[in-house]
Amino acid sequence: MITTNLIEFPHLATLILDDIHMDYAEQFLCRTHLPCLVELLIHYEQLSTIIVQHPEEARNNCSKIEFLYFVDVSTDPTDSLLHFFPNLYCEISKST
């Protein structure tokens, strides 16, 4: 049995992942504990891939996000993706 201790960032409220390799985005959303994360900026395709490939790992950090911003997105987010963000109360912004 392999045990993994998550790295915790207890005061990180905003996470900007606009110019980052997919592996680092996955590391932040799946292999860390971000108890105060409420704002996320990320590429739509990266977030979609992470949620499809690692839904259980990503759910804990994504469930607290209130503000979600996408970089370079041309389509509206799917309902299945938005279910990961139950606290999302603002309109999703599309950044360039």
PDB file of N, CA and C in Angstrom:
ATOM      1  N   MET A   1       0.839  -1.181   0.000  1.00  0.00           N
ATOM      2  CA  MET A   1       0.000   0.000   0.000  1.00  0.00           C
ATOM      3  C   MET A   1       0.886   1.247   0.000  1.00  0.00           C
ATOM      4  N   ILE A   2       0.616   2.152  -0.910  1.00  0.00           N
ATOM      5  CA  ILE A   2       1.384   3.389  -1.025  1.00  0.00           C
ATOM      6  C   ILE A   2       0.602   4.515  -0.361  1.00  0.00           C
ATOM      7  N   THR A   3       1.254   5.220   0.538  1.00  0.00           N
ATOM      8  CA  THR A   3       0.634   6.353   1.211  1.00  0.00           C
ATOM      9  C   THR A   3       1.284   7.632   0.707  1.00  0.00           C
ATOM     10  N   THR A   4       0.447   8.596   0.358  1.00  0.00           N
ATOM     11  CA  THR A   4       0.954   9.873  -0.122  1.00  0.00           C
ATOM     12  C   THR A   4       0.474  10.974   0.812  1.00  0.00           C
ATOM     13  N   ASN A   5       1.396  11.739   1.333  1.00  0.00           N
ATOM     14  CA  ASN A   5       1.043  12.891   2.147  1.00  0.00           C
ATOM     15  C   ASN A   5       0.863  14.087   1.227  1.00  0.00           C
ATOM     16  N   LEU A   6      -0.276  14.741   1.347  1.00  0.00           N
ATOM     17  CA  LEU A   6      -0.545  15.909   0.525  1.00  0.00           C
ATOM     18  C   LEU A   6       0.191  17.122   1.076  1.00  0.00           C
ATOM     19  N   ILE A   7       0.696  17.937   0.181  1.00  0.00           N
ATOM     20  CA  ILE A   7       1.286  19.213   0.574  1.00  0.00           C
ATOM     21  C   ILE A   7       0.134  20.183   0.794  1.00  0.00           C
ATOM     22  N   GLU A   8       0.166  20.904   1.889  1.00  0.00           N
ATOM     23  CA  GLU A   8      -0.916  21.834   2.202  1.00  0.00           C
ATOM     24  C   GLU A   8      -0.447  23.272   2.043  1.00  0.00           C
ATOM     25  N   PHE A   9      -1.302  24.071   1.407  1.00  0.00           N
ATOM     26  CA  PHE A   9      -1.107  25.510   1.292  1.00  0.00           C
ATOM     27  C   PHE A   9      -2.297  26.154   2.009  1.00  0.00           C
ATOM     28  N   PRO A  10      -2.205  26.331   3.334  1.00  0.00           N
ATOM     29  CA  PRO A  10      -3.370  26.714   4.121  1.00  0.00           C
ATOM     30  C   PRO A  10      -3.904  28.125   3.885  1.00  0.00           C
ATOM     31  N   HIS A  11      -3.114  29.006   3.297  1.00  0.00           N
ATOM     32  CA  HIS A  11      -3.557  30.388   3.114  1.00  0.00           C
ATOM     33  C   HIS A  11      -3.732  30.774   1.652  1.00  0.00           C
ATOM     34  N   LEU A  12      -3.541  29.842   0.747  1.00  0.00           N
ATOM     35  CA  LEU A  12      -3.644  30.138  -0.686  1.00  0.00           C
ATOM     36  C   LEU A  12      -5.113  30.260  -1.086  1.00  0.00           C
ATOM     37  N   ALA A  13      -5.532  31.463  -1.453  1.00  0.00           N
ATOM     38  CA  ALA A  13      -6.925  31.709  -1.821  1.00  0.00           C
ATOM     39  C   ALA A  13      -7.104  31.859  -3.325  1.00  0.00           C
ATOM     40  N   THR A  14      -6.074  32.330  -4.019  1.00  0.00           N
ATOM     41  CA  THR A  14      -6.130  32.548  -5.466  1.00  0.00           C
ATOM     42  C   THR A  14      -5.014  31.758  -6.126  1.00  0.00           C
ATOM     43  N   LEU A  15      -5.369  31.006  -7.169  1.00  0.00           N
ATOM     44  CA  LEU A  15      -4.391  30.204  -7.893  1.00  0.00           C
ATOM     45  C   LEU A  15      -4.479  30.553  -9.373  1.00  0.00           C
ATOM     46  N   ILE A  16      -3.388  31.073  -9.926  1.00  0.00           N
ATOM     47  CA  ILE A  16      -3.334  31.482 -11.331  1.00  0.00           C
ATOM     48  C   ILE A  16      -2.439  30.506 -12.074  1.00  0.00           C
ATOM     49  N   LEU A  17      -3.042  29.722 -12.962  1.00  0.00           N
ATOM     50  CA  LEU A  17      -2.325  28.691 -13.715  1.00  0.00           C
ATOM     51  C   LEU A  17      -2.450  28.956 -15.207  1.00  0.00           C
ATOM     52  N   ASP A  18      -2.133  30.176 -15.637  1.00  0.00           N
ATOM     53  CA  ASP A  18      -2.360  30.532 -17.041  1.00  0.00           C
ATOM     54  C   ASP A  18      -1.231  30.127 -17.973  1.00  0.00           C
ATOM     55  N   ASP A  19      -0.016  30.045 -17.495  1.00  0.00           N
ATOM     56  CA  ASP A  19       1.110  29.680 -18.358  1.00  0.00           C
ATOM     57  C   ASP A  19       1.900  28.583 -17.650  1.00  0.00           C
ATOM     58  N   ILE A  20       1.299  27.408 -17.576  1.00  0.00           N
ATOM     59  CA  ILE A  20       1.857  26.330 -16.775  1.00  0.00           C
ATOM     60  C   ILE A  20       1.677  25.007 -17.507  1.00  0.00           C
ATOM     61  N   HIS A  21       2.616  24.107 -17.318  1.00  0.00           N
ATOM     62  CA  HIS A  21       2.520  22.775 -17.921  1.00  0.00           C
ATOM     63  C   HIS A  21       1.393  21.996 -17.241  1.00  0.00           C
ATOM     64  N   MET A  22       0.759  21.136 -17.989  1.00  0.00           N
ATOM     65  CA  MET A  22      -0.360  20.331 -17.501  1.00  0.00           C
ATOM     66  C   MET A  22      -0.002  19.569 -16.217  1.00  0.00           C
ATOM     67  N   ASP A  23       1.201  19.060 -16.127  1.00  0.00           N
ATOM     68  CA  ASP A  23       1.609  18.289 -14.944  1.00  0.00           C
ATOM     69  C   ASP A  23       1.560  19.133 -13.671  1.00  0.00           C
ATOM     70  N   TYR A  24       1.925  20.406 -13.779  1.00  0.00           N
ATOM     71  CA  TYR A  24       1.896  21.279 -12.606  1.00  0.00           C
ATOM     72  C   TYR A  24       0.459  21.630 -12.216  1.00  0.00           C
ATOM     73  N   ALA A  25      -0.392  21.830 -13.190  1.00  0.00           N
ATOM     74  CA  ALA A  25      -1.808  22.084 -12.901  1.00  0.00           C
ATOM     75  C   ALA A  25      -2.412  20.877 -12.182  1.00  0.00           C
ATOM     76  N   GLU A  26      -2.093  19.693 -12.674  1.00  0.00           N
ATOM     77  CA  GLU A  26      -2.570  18.460 -12.041  1.00  0.00           C
ATOM     78  C   GLU A  26      -2.027  18.332 -10.617  1.00  0.00           C
ATOM     79  N   GLN A  27      -0.773  18.662 -10.433  1.00  0.00           N
ATOM     80  CA  GLN A  27      -0.155  18.600  -9.102  1.00  0.00           C
ATOM     81  C   GLN A  27      -0.905  19.505  -8.118  1.00  0.00           C
ATOM     82  N   PHE A  28      -1.191  20.729  -8.511  1.00  0.00           N
ATOM     83  CA  PHE A  28      -1.882  21.656  -7.616  1.00  0.00           C
ATOM     84  C   PHE A  28      -3.303  21.212  -7.313  1.00  0.00           C
ATOM     85  N   LEU A  29      -4.035  20.741  -8.304  1.00  0.00           N
ATOM     86  CA  LEU A  29      -5.441  20.423  -8.088  1.00  0.00           C
ATOM     87  C   LEU A  29      -5.682  19.027  -7.523  1.00  0.00           C
ATOM     88  N   CYS A  30      -4.733  18.115  -7.692  1.00  0.00           N
ATOM     89  CA  CYS A  30      -4.967  16.727  -7.276  1.00  0.00           C
ATOM     90  C   CYS A  30      -4.072  16.249  -6.139  1.00  0.00           C
ATOM     91  N   ARG A  31      -2.906  16.815  -5.992  1.00  0.00           N
ATOM     92  CA  ARG A  31      -1.947  16.281  -5.020  1.00  0.00           C
ATOM     93  C   ARG A  31      -1.551  17.297  -3.958  1.00  0.00           C
ATOM     94  N   THR A  32      -2.386  18.280  -3.757  1.00  0.00           N
ATOM     95  CA  THR A  32      -2.168  19.243  -2.682  1.00  0.00           C
ATOM     96  C   THR A  32      -3.479  19.436  -1.935  1.00  0.00           C
ATOM     97  N   HIS A  33      -3.391  20.021  -0.771  1.00  0.00           N
ATOM     98  CA  HIS A  33      -4.584  20.369  -0.001  1.00  0.00           C
ATOM     99  C   HIS A  33      -4.656  21.888   0.028  1.00  0.00           C
ATOM    100  N   LEU A  34      -5.716  22.435  -0.564  1.00  0.00           N
ATOM    101  CA  LEU A  34      -5.892  23.884  -0.683  1.00  0.00           C
ATOM    102  C   LEU A  34      -7.191  24.278   0.026  1.00  0.00           C
ATOM    103  N   PRO A  35      -7.194  24.332   1.353  1.00  0.00           N
ATOM    104  CA  PRO A  35      -8.439  24.542   2.093  1.00  0.00           C
ATOM    105  C   PRO A  35      -9.080  25.911   1.916  1.00  0.00           C
ATOM    106  N   CYS A  36      -8.329  26.904   1.471  1.00  0.00           N
ATOM    107  CA  CYS A  36      -8.872  28.262   1.326  1.00  0.00           C
ATOM    108  C   CYS A  36      -9.011  28.701  -0.125  1.00  0.00           C
ATOM    109  N   LEU A  37      -8.816  27.793  -1.068  1.00  0.00           N
ATOM    110  CA  LEU A  37      -8.862  28.166  -2.486  1.00  0.00           C
ATOM    111  C   LEU A  37     -10.278  28.547  -2.899  1.00  0.00           C
ATOM    112  N   VAL A  38     -10.455  29.804  -3.317  1.00  0.00           N
ATOM    113  CA  VAL A  38     -11.766  30.279  -3.754  1.00  0.00           C
ATOM    114  C   VAL A  38     -11.736  30.879  -5.154  1.00  0.00           C
ATOM    115  N   GLU A  39     -10.543  31.066  -5.717  1.00  0.00           N
ATOM    116  CA  GLU A  39     -10.433  31.708  -7.029  1.00  0.00           C
ATOM    117  C   GLU A  39      -9.393  30.963  -7.865  1.00  0.00           C
ATOM    118  N   LEU A  40      -9.791  30.578  -9.095  1.00  0.00           N
ATOM    119  CA  LEU A  40      -8.911  29.803  -9.962  1.00  0.00           C
ATOM    120  C   LEU A  40      -8.948  30.354 -11.375  1.00  0.00           C
ATOM    121  N   LEU A  41      -7.760  30.557 -11.958  1.00  0.00           N
ATOM    122  CA  LEU A  41      -7.615  30.909 -13.366  1.00  0.00           C
ATOM    123  C   LEU A  41      -6.807  29.782 -14.006  1.00  0.00           C
ATOM    124  N   ILE A  42      -7.365  29.163 -15.067  1.00  0.00           N
ATOM    125  CA  ILE A  42      -6.750  27.986 -15.671  1.00  0.00           C
ATOM    126  C   ILE A  42      -7.229  27.848 -17.114  1.00  0.00           C
ATOM    127  N   HIS A  43      -6.488  27.105 -17.912  1.00  0.00           N
ATOM    128  CA  HIS A  43      -6.938  26.783 -19.267  1.00  0.00           C
ATOM    129  C   HIS A  43      -8.094  25.792 -19.175  1.00  0.00           C
ATOM    130  N   TYR A  44      -9.136  26.034 -19.931  1.00  0.00           N
ATOM    131  CA  TYR A  44     -10.318  25.173 -19.909  1.00  0.00           C
ATOM    132  C   TYR A  44      -9.959  23.724 -20.227  1.00  0.00           C
ATOM    133  N   GLU A  45      -9.126  23.516 -21.240  1.00  0.00           N
ATOM    134  CA  GLU A  45      -8.768  22.159 -21.653  1.00  0.00           C
ATOM    135  C   GLU A  45      -8.009  21.431 -20.546  1.00  0.00           C
ATOM    136  N   GLN A  46      -7.129  22.130 -19.854  1.00  0.00           N
ATOM    137  CA  GLN A  46      -6.391  21.504 -18.755  1.00  0.00           C
ATOM    138  C   GLN A  46      -7.331  21.093 -17.631  1.00  0.00           C
ATOM    139  N   LEU A  47      -8.223  21.986 -17.257  1.00  0.00           N
ATOM    140  CA  LEU A  47      -9.158  21.673 -16.181  1.00  0.00           C
ATOM    141  C   LEU A  47     -10.061  20.508 -16.566  1.00  0.00           C
ATOM    142  N   SER A  48     -10.566  20.508 -17.783  1.00  0.00           N
ATOM    143  CA  SER A  48     -11.423  19.414 -18.251  1.00  0.00           C
ATOM    144  C   SER A  48     -10.693  18.081 -18.192  1.00  0.00           C
ATOM    145  N   THR A  49      -9.458  18.067 -18.647  1.00  0.00           N
ATOM    146  CA  THR A  49      -8.665  16.836 -18.643  1.00  0.00           C
ATOM    147  C   THR A  49      -8.419  16.345 -17.222  1.00  0.00           C
ATOM    148  N   ILE A  50      -8.063  17.241 -16.332  1.00  0.00           N
ATOM    149  CA  ILE A  50      -7.802  16.864 -14.941  1.00  0.00           C
ATOM    150  C   ILE A  50      -9.052  16.274 -14.303  1.00  0.00           C
ATOM    151  N   ILE A  51     -10.192  16.886 -14.525  1.00  0.00           N
ATOM    152  CA  ILE A  51     -11.431  16.404 -13.920  1.00  0.00           C
ATOM    153  C   ILE A  51     -11.848  15.054 -14.496  1.00  0.00           C
ATOM    154  N   VAL A  52     -11.626  14.839 -15.774  1.00  0.00           N
ATOM    155  CA  VAL A  52     -11.968  13.550 -16.388  1.00  0.00           C
ATOM    156  C   VAL A  52     -11.026  12.449 -15.902  1.00  0.00           C
ATOM    157  N   GLN A  53      -9.737  12.748 -15.833  1.00  0.00           N
ATOM    158  CA  GLN A  53      -8.750  11.730 -15.470  1.00  0.00           C
ATOM    159  C   GLN A  53      -8.634  11.492 -13.964  1.00  0.00           C
ATOM    160  N   HIS A  54      -8.901  12.497 -13.163  1.00  0.00           N
ATOM    161  CA  HIS A  54      -8.717  12.388 -11.708  1.00  0.00           C
ATOM    162  C   HIS A  54      -9.893  13.030 -10.961  1.00  0.00           C
ATOM    163  N   PRO A  55     -11.110  12.556 -11.164  1.00  0.00           N
ATOM    164  CA  PRO A  55     -12.264  13.243 -10.564  1.00  0.00           C
ATOM    165  C   PRO A  55     -12.257  13.270  -9.036  1.00  0.00           C
ATOM    166  N   GLU A  56     -11.916  12.166  -8.406  1.00  0.00           N
ATOM    167  CA  GLU A  56     -11.938  12.129  -6.941  1.00  0.00           C
ATOM    168  C   GLU A  56     -10.867  13.024  -6.332  1.00  0.00           C
ATOM    169  N   GLU A  57      -9.687  13.013  -6.937  1.00  0.00           N
ATOM    170  CA  GLU A  57      -8.591  13.812  -6.405  1.00  0.00           C
ATOM    171  C   GLU A  57      -8.855  15.310  -6.559  1.00  0.00           C
ATOM    172  N   ALA A  58      -9.459  15.695  -7.665  1.00  0.00           N
ATOM    173  CA  ALA A  58      -9.699  17.114  -7.942  1.00  0.00           C
ATOM    174  C   ALA A  58     -10.913  17.667  -7.203  1.00  0.00           C
ATOM    175  N   ARG A  59     -11.845  16.817  -6.874  1.00  0.00           N
ATOM    176  CA  ARG A  59     -13.114  17.273  -6.292  1.00  0.00           C
ATOM    177  C   ARG A  59     -12.920  18.073  -5.002  1.00  0.00           C
ATOM    178  N   ASN A  60     -12.048  17.645  -4.136  1.00  0.00           N
ATOM    179  CA  ASN A  60     -11.889  18.319  -2.846  1.00  0.00           C
ATOM    180  C   ASN A  60     -11.467  19.775  -3.008  1.00  0.00           C
ATOM    181  N   ASN A  61     -10.489  20.047  -3.836  1.00  0.00           N
ATOM    182  CA  ASN A  61     -10.037  21.427  -4.032  1.00  0.00           C
ATOM    183  C   ASN A  61     -11.008  22.238  -4.880  1.00  0.00           C
ATOM    184  N   CYS A  62     -11.623  21.623  -5.861  1.00  0.00           N
ATOM    185  CA  CYS A  62     -12.538  22.358  -6.745  1.00  0.00           C
ATOM    186  C   CYS A  62     -13.858  22.693  -6.064  1.00  0.00           C
ATOM    187  N   SER A  63     -14.240  21.945  -5.067  1.00  0.00           N
ATOM    188  CA  SER A  63     -15.549  22.149  -4.441  1.00  0.00           C
ATOM    189  C   SER A  63     -15.665  23.475  -3.700  1.00  0.00           C
ATOM    190  N   LYS A  64     -14.557  24.105  -3.368  1.00  0.00           N
ATOM    191  CA  LYS A  64     -14.589  25.362  -2.615  1.00  0.00           C
ATOM    192  C   LYS A  64     -14.500  26.610  -3.500  1.00  0.00           C
ATOM    193  N   ILE A  65     -14.212  26.429  -4.767  1.00  0.00           N
ATOM    194  CA  ILE A  65     -13.971  27.567  -5.658  1.00  0.00           C
ATOM    195  C   ILE A  65     -15.255  28.359  -5.894  1.00  0.00           C
ATOM    196  N   GLU A  66     -15.156  29.664  -5.733  1.00  0.00           N
ATOM    197  CA  GLU A  66     -16.281  30.572  -5.943  1.00  0.00           C
ATOM    198  C   GLU A  66     -16.142  31.371  -7.232  1.00  0.00           C
ATOM    199  N   PHE A  67     -14.922  31.632  -7.651  1.00  0.00           N
ATOM    200  CA  PHE A  67     -14.653  32.413  -8.858  1.00  0.00           C
ATOM    201  C   PHE A  67     -13.775  31.587  -9.785  1.00  0.00           C
ATOM    202  N   LEU A  68     -14.232  31.388 -11.012  1.00  0.00           N
ATOM    203  CA  LEU A  68     -13.516  30.552 -11.975  1.00  0.00           C
ATOM    204  C   LEU A  68     -13.304  31.343 -13.256  1.00  0.00           C
ATOM    205  N   TYR A  69     -12.057  31.414 -13.693  1.00  0.00           N
ATOM    206  CA  TYR A  69     -11.695  32.150 -14.903  1.00  0.00           C
ATOM    207  C   TYR A  69     -10.959  31.201 -15.840  1.00  0.00           C
ATOM    208  N   PHE A  70     -11.345  31.216 -17.110  1.00  0.00           N
ATOM    209  CA  PHE A  70     -10.684  30.371 -18.105  1.00  0.00           C
ATOM    210  C   PHE A  70      -9.815  31.210 -19.033  1.00  0.00           C
ATOM    211  N   VAL A  71      -8.689  30.634 -19.436  1.00  0.00           N
ATOM    212  CA  VAL A  71      -7.781  31.247 -20.394  1.00  0.00           C
ATOM    213  C   VAL A  71      -8.041  30.608 -21.747  1.00  0.00           C
ATOM    214  N   ASP A  72      -8.199  31.428 -22.776  1.00  0.00           N
ATOM    215  CA  ASP A  72      -8.325  30.946 -24.158  1.00  0.00           C
ATOM    216  C   ASP A  72      -9.379  29.860 -24.333  1.00  0.00           C
ATOM    217  N   VAL A  73     -10.597  30.156 -23.994  1.00  0.00           N
ATOM    218  CA  VAL A  73     -11.680  29.190 -24.184  1.00  0.00           C
ATOM    219  C   VAL A  73     -12.654  29.742 -25.211  1.00  0.00           C
ATOM    220  N   SER A  74     -13.100  28.890 -26.100  1.00  0.00           N
ATOM    221  CA  SER A  74     -14.022  29.342 -27.140  1.00  0.00           C
ATOM    222  C   SER A  74     -15.417  28.759 -26.962  1.00  0.00           C
ATOM    223  N   THR A  75     -15.572  27.803 -26.051  1.00  0.00           N
ATOM    224  CA  THR A  75     -16.877  27.191 -25.821  1.00  0.00           C
ATOM    225  C   THR A  75     -17.299  27.403 -24.374  1.00  0.00           C
ATOM    226  N   ASP A  76     -18.583  27.235 -24.135  1.00  0.00           N
ATOM    227  CA  ASP A  76     -19.080  27.335 -22.768  1.00  0.00           C
ATOM    228  C   ASP A  76     -18.769  26.046 -22.012  1.00  0.00           C
ATOM    229  N   PRO A  77     -18.525  26.142 -20.723  1.00  0.00           N
ATOM    230  CA  PRO A  77     -18.228  24.947 -19.927  1.00  0.00           C
ATOM    231  C   PRO A  77     -19.410  23.980 -19.911  1.00  0.00           C
ATOM    232  N   THR A  78     -19.102  22.706 -19.828  1.00  0.00           N
ATOM    233  CA  THR A  78     -20.146  21.686 -19.786  1.00  0.00           C
ATOM    234  C   THR A  78     -20.743  21.614 -18.382  1.00  0.00           C
ATOM    235  N   ASP A  79     -21.964  21.086 -18.300  1.00  0.00           N
ATOM    236  CA  ASP A  79     -22.613  20.925 -17.000  1.00  0.00           C
ATOM    237  C   ASP A  79     -21.839  19.972 -16.095  1.00  0.00           C
ATOM    238  N   SER A  80     -21.280  18.917 -16.680  1.00  0.00           N
ATOM    239  CA  SER A  80     -20.534  17.957 -15.860  1.00  0.00           C
ATOM    240  C   SER A  80     -19.305  18.610 -15.238  1.00  0.00           C
ATOM    241  N   LEU A  81     -18.673  19.520 -15.951  1.00  0.00           N
ATOM    242  CA  LEU A  81     -17.525  20.230 -15.393  1.00  0.00           C
ATOM    243  C   LEU A  81     -17.977  21.164 -14.271  1.00  0.00           C
ATOM    244  N   LEU A  82     -19.071  21.844 -14.474  1.00  0.00           N
ATOM    245  CA  LEU A  82     -19.545  22.808 -13.476  1.00  0.00           C
ATOM    246  C   LEU A  82     -20.011  22.143 -12.185  1.00  0.00           C
ATOM    247  N   HIS A  83     -20.355  20.853 -12.217  1.00  0.00           N
ATOM    248  CA  HIS A  83     -20.766  20.144 -11.001  1.00  0.00           C
ATOM    249  C   HIS A  83     -19.628  20.040  -9.987  1.00  0.00           C
ATOM    250  N   PHE A  84     -18.405  20.232 -10.434  1.00  0.00           N
ATOM    251  CA  PHE A  84     -17.268  20.205  -9.529  1.00  0.00           C
ATOM    252  C   PHE A  84     -17.157  21.499  -8.729  1.00  0.00           C
ATOM    253  N   PHE A  85     -17.977  22.478  -9.035  1.00  0.00           N
ATOM    254  CA  PHE A  85     -17.882  23.795  -8.405  1.00  0.00           C
ATOM    255  C   PHE A  85     -19.221  24.183  -7.773  1.00  0.00           C
ATOM    256  N   PRO A  86     -19.642  23.500  -6.716  1.00  0.00           N
ATOM    257  CA  PRO A  86     -20.949  23.789  -6.121  1.00  0.00           C
ATOM    258  C   PRO A  86     -21.040  25.169  -5.480  1.00  0.00           C
ATOM    259  N   ASN A  87     -19.926  25.774  -5.129  1.00  0.00           N
ATOM    260  CA  ASN A  87     -19.932  27.103  -4.506  1.00  0.00           C
ATOM    261  C   ASN A  87     -19.760  28.235  -5.504  1.00  0.00           C
ATOM    262  N   LEU A  88     -19.729  27.908  -6.769  1.00  0.00           N
ATOM    263  CA  LEU A  88     -19.541  28.921  -7.807  1.00  0.00           C
ATOM    264  C   LEU A  88     -20.794  29.785  -7.881  1.00  0.00           C
ATOM    265  N   TYR A  89     -20.652  31.057  -7.542  1.00  0.00           N
ATOM    266  CA  TYR A  89     -21.817  31.929  -7.576  1.00  0.00           C
ATOM    267  C   TYR A  89     -21.641  33.124  -8.481  1.00  0.00           C
ATOM    268  N   CYS A  90     -20.496  33.244  -9.113  1.00  0.00           N
ATOM    269  CA  CYS A  90     -20.331  34.326 -10.072  1.00  0.00           C
ATOM    270  C   CYS A  90     -20.325  33.731 -11.474  1.00  0.00           C
ATOM    271  N   GLU A  91     -20.550  34.559 -12.440  1.00  0.00           N
ATOM    272  CA  GLU A  91     -20.497  34.112 -13.826  1.00  0.00           C
ATOM    273  C   GLU A  91     -19.058  33.768 -14.186  1.00  0.00           C
ATOM    274  N   ILE A  92     -18.894  32.714 -14.939  1.00  0.00           N
ATOM    275  CA  ILE A  92     -17.558  32.290 -15.347  1.00  0.00           C
ATOM    276  C   ILE A  92     -17.016  33.274 -16.367  1.00  0.00           C
ATOM    277  N   SER A  93     -15.807  33.737 -16.125  1.00  0.00           N
ATOM    278  CA  SER A  93     -15.169  34.704 -17.016  1.00  0.00           C
ATOM    279  C   SER A  93     -14.214  34.007 -17.956  1.00  0.00           C
ATOM    280  N   LYS A  94     -14.120  34.545 -19.152  1.00  0.00           N
ATOM    281  CA  LYS A  94     -13.191  34.023 -20.157  1.00  0.00           C
ATOM    282  C   LYS A  94     -12.100  35.057 -20.360  1.00  0.00           C
ATOM    283  N   SER A  95     -10.921  34.789 -19.847  1.00  0.00           N
ATOM    284  CA  SER A  95      -9.783  35.700 -19.981  1.00  0.00           C
ATOM    285  C   SER A  95      -9.016  35.389 -21.246  1.00  0.00           C
ATOM    286  N   THR A  96      -8.250  36.363 -21.714  1.00  0.00           N
ATOM    287  CA  THR A  96      -7.381  36.124 -22.869  1.00  0.00           C
ATOM    288  C   THR A  96      -5.950  36.280 -22.466  1.00  0.00           C
TER     289      THR A  96
END
